[in-house]
Amino acid sequence: MDFEITGDKRNELLSRREVQFNLKYDGATPSRMQIIGKLCALLNVKEQQITLDTLHSSFGKTEITGSARIYDNEEGRNKTERPYLAARGMPKPKEEGAA
């Protein structure tokens, strides 16, 4: 995966960074978890501080454009983000006793 950050704006009122990016990849389309992991490694933040906002891909292209919000801390993210957006892209808890 080849990441390119195209925009990085600071929102002091909500204590977060708003990042726009382009992602070029080979093979299958990367999952939200893979994209969050790559953003964490690139920007040196924890997974609990990132919320992926939008991801756009075009048919026949191996490129994704998207935006993410990176909060200063996990509490700020939990107060600001809607619960379904905060949960999107996070691993689902494993059910015990499932066969």
Protein backbone atom coordinates (compact mmCIF):
# COMPACT_ATOMS: atom_id res chain seq x y z
CA MET A 1 0.00 0.00 0.00
CA ASP A 2 1.21 3.47 -0.88
CA PHE A 3 -0.24 6.24 1.33
CA GLU A 4 -0.20 9.90 0.37
CA ILE A 5 -1.65 12.52 2.71
CA THR A 6 -3.24 15.28 0.63
CA GLY A 7 -4.64 17.45 3.40
CA ASP A 8 -4.06 17.86 7.12
CA LYS A 9 -6.10 20.43 9.01
CA ARG A 10 -6.20 21.04 12.77
CA ASN A 11 -9.61 21.57 14.41
CA GLU A 12 -8.83 23.08 17.83
CA LEU A 13 -12.48 23.36 18.85
CA LEU A 14 -12.91 19.56 18.77
CA SER A 15 -9.25 18.71 19.59
CA ARG A 16 -8.65 16.71 16.44
CA ARG A 17 -6.85 16.59 13.11
CA GLU A 18 -8.81 16.13 9.91
CA VAL A 19 -6.75 14.24 7.33
CA GLN A 20 -7.47 13.57 3.65
CA PHE A 21 -5.50 10.86 1.90
CA ASN A 22 -4.99 8.83 -1.27
CA LEU A 23 -4.17 5.14 -1.05
CA LYS A 24 -2.83 3.05 -3.92
CA TYR A 25 -2.84 -0.71 -3.49
CA ASP A 26 -2.24 -3.96 -5.36
CA GLY A 27 -4.58 -6.93 -5.28
CA ALA A 28 -7.71 -6.94 -3.15
CA THR A 29 -9.20 -3.78 -1.69
CA PRO A 30 -7.81 -3.25 1.82
CA SER A 31 -10.22 -3.49 4.74
CA ARG A 32 -11.01 -0.60 7.07
CA MET A 33 -8.84 -2.26 9.75
CA GLN A 34 -5.86 -2.41 7.39
CA ILE A 35 -6.30 1.26 6.46
CA ILE A 36 -6.58 2.28 10.14
CA GLY A 37 -3.45 0.24 10.93
CA LYS A 38 -1.50 1.93 8.14
CA LEU A 39 -2.66 5.39 9.27
CA CYS A 40 -1.65 4.59 12.87
CA ALA A 41 1.82 3.55 11.79
CA LEU A 42 2.23 6.53 9.48
CA LEU A 43 1.00 9.19 11.93
CA ASN A 44 2.19 7.50 15.15
CA VAL A 45 -1.20 7.40 16.95
CA LYS A 46 -3.29 4.70 18.61
CA GLU A 47 -6.17 2.92 16.83
CA GLN A 48 -8.65 4.17 19.44
CA GLN A 49 -7.98 7.78 18.39
CA ILE A 50 -8.84 7.38 14.68
CA THR A 51 -12.24 7.43 12.99
CA LEU A 52 -12.42 6.80 9.26
CA ASP A 53 -14.97 9.16 7.79
CA THR A 54 -15.23 8.41 4.08
CA LEU A 55 -13.62 6.01 1.64
CA HIS A 56 -14.19 6.33 -2.11
CA SER A 57 -12.97 3.91 -4.74
CA SER A 58 -13.68 3.80 -8.46
CA PHE A 59 -14.39 0.71 -10.51
CA GLY A 60 -11.28 -0.57 -12.25
CA LYS A 61 -8.85 1.58 -10.27
CA THR A 62 -6.62 0.43 -7.46
CA GLU A 63 -6.87 3.73 -5.64
CA ILE A 64 -8.93 4.92 -2.67
CA THR A 65 -9.48 8.51 -1.57
CA GLY A 66 -10.70 9.08 1.94
CA SER A 67 -10.75 11.17 5.05
CA ALA A 68 -10.13 10.42 8.71
CA ARG A 69 -10.40 12.24 12.00
CA ILE A 70 -7.59 11.81 14.54
CA TYR A 71 -8.39 12.87 18.08
CA ASP A 72 -5.91 13.92 20.77
CA ASN A 73 -7.28 11.25 23.12
CA GLU A 74 -9.84 8.45 23.20
CA GLU A 75 -12.21 10.34 25.52
CA GLY A 76 -12.54 13.19 23.02
CA ARG A 77 -13.38 10.71 20.28
CA ASN A 78 -16.01 8.98 22.41
CA LYS A 79 -17.66 12.31 23.31
CA THR A 80 -17.73 13.65 19.74
CA GLU A 81 -18.22 10.73 17.35
CA ARG A 82 -21.50 8.94 16.82
CA PRO A 83 -21.33 5.40 18.24
CA TYR A 84 -21.84 3.63 14.90
CA LEU A 85 -18.96 5.55 13.31
CA ALA A 86 -16.67 4.86 16.25
CA ALA A 87 -17.47 1.13 16.07
CA ARG A 88 -17.12 0.89 12.29
CA GLY A 89 -13.89 -0.74 11.26
CA MET A 90 -13.05 -2.03 14.74
CA PRO A 91 -12.74 -5.79 15.22
CA LYS A 92 -15.89 -7.48 16.44
CA PRO A 93 -15.68 -9.25 19.81
CA LYS A 94 -15.39 -13.03 19.48
CA GLU A 95 -18.38 -14.99 20.71
CA GLU A 96 -17.60 -17.72 23.21
CA GLY A 97 -18.94 -21.19 22.50
CA ALA A 98 -19.45 -20.53 18.79
CA ALA A 99 -18.57 -23.56 16.68
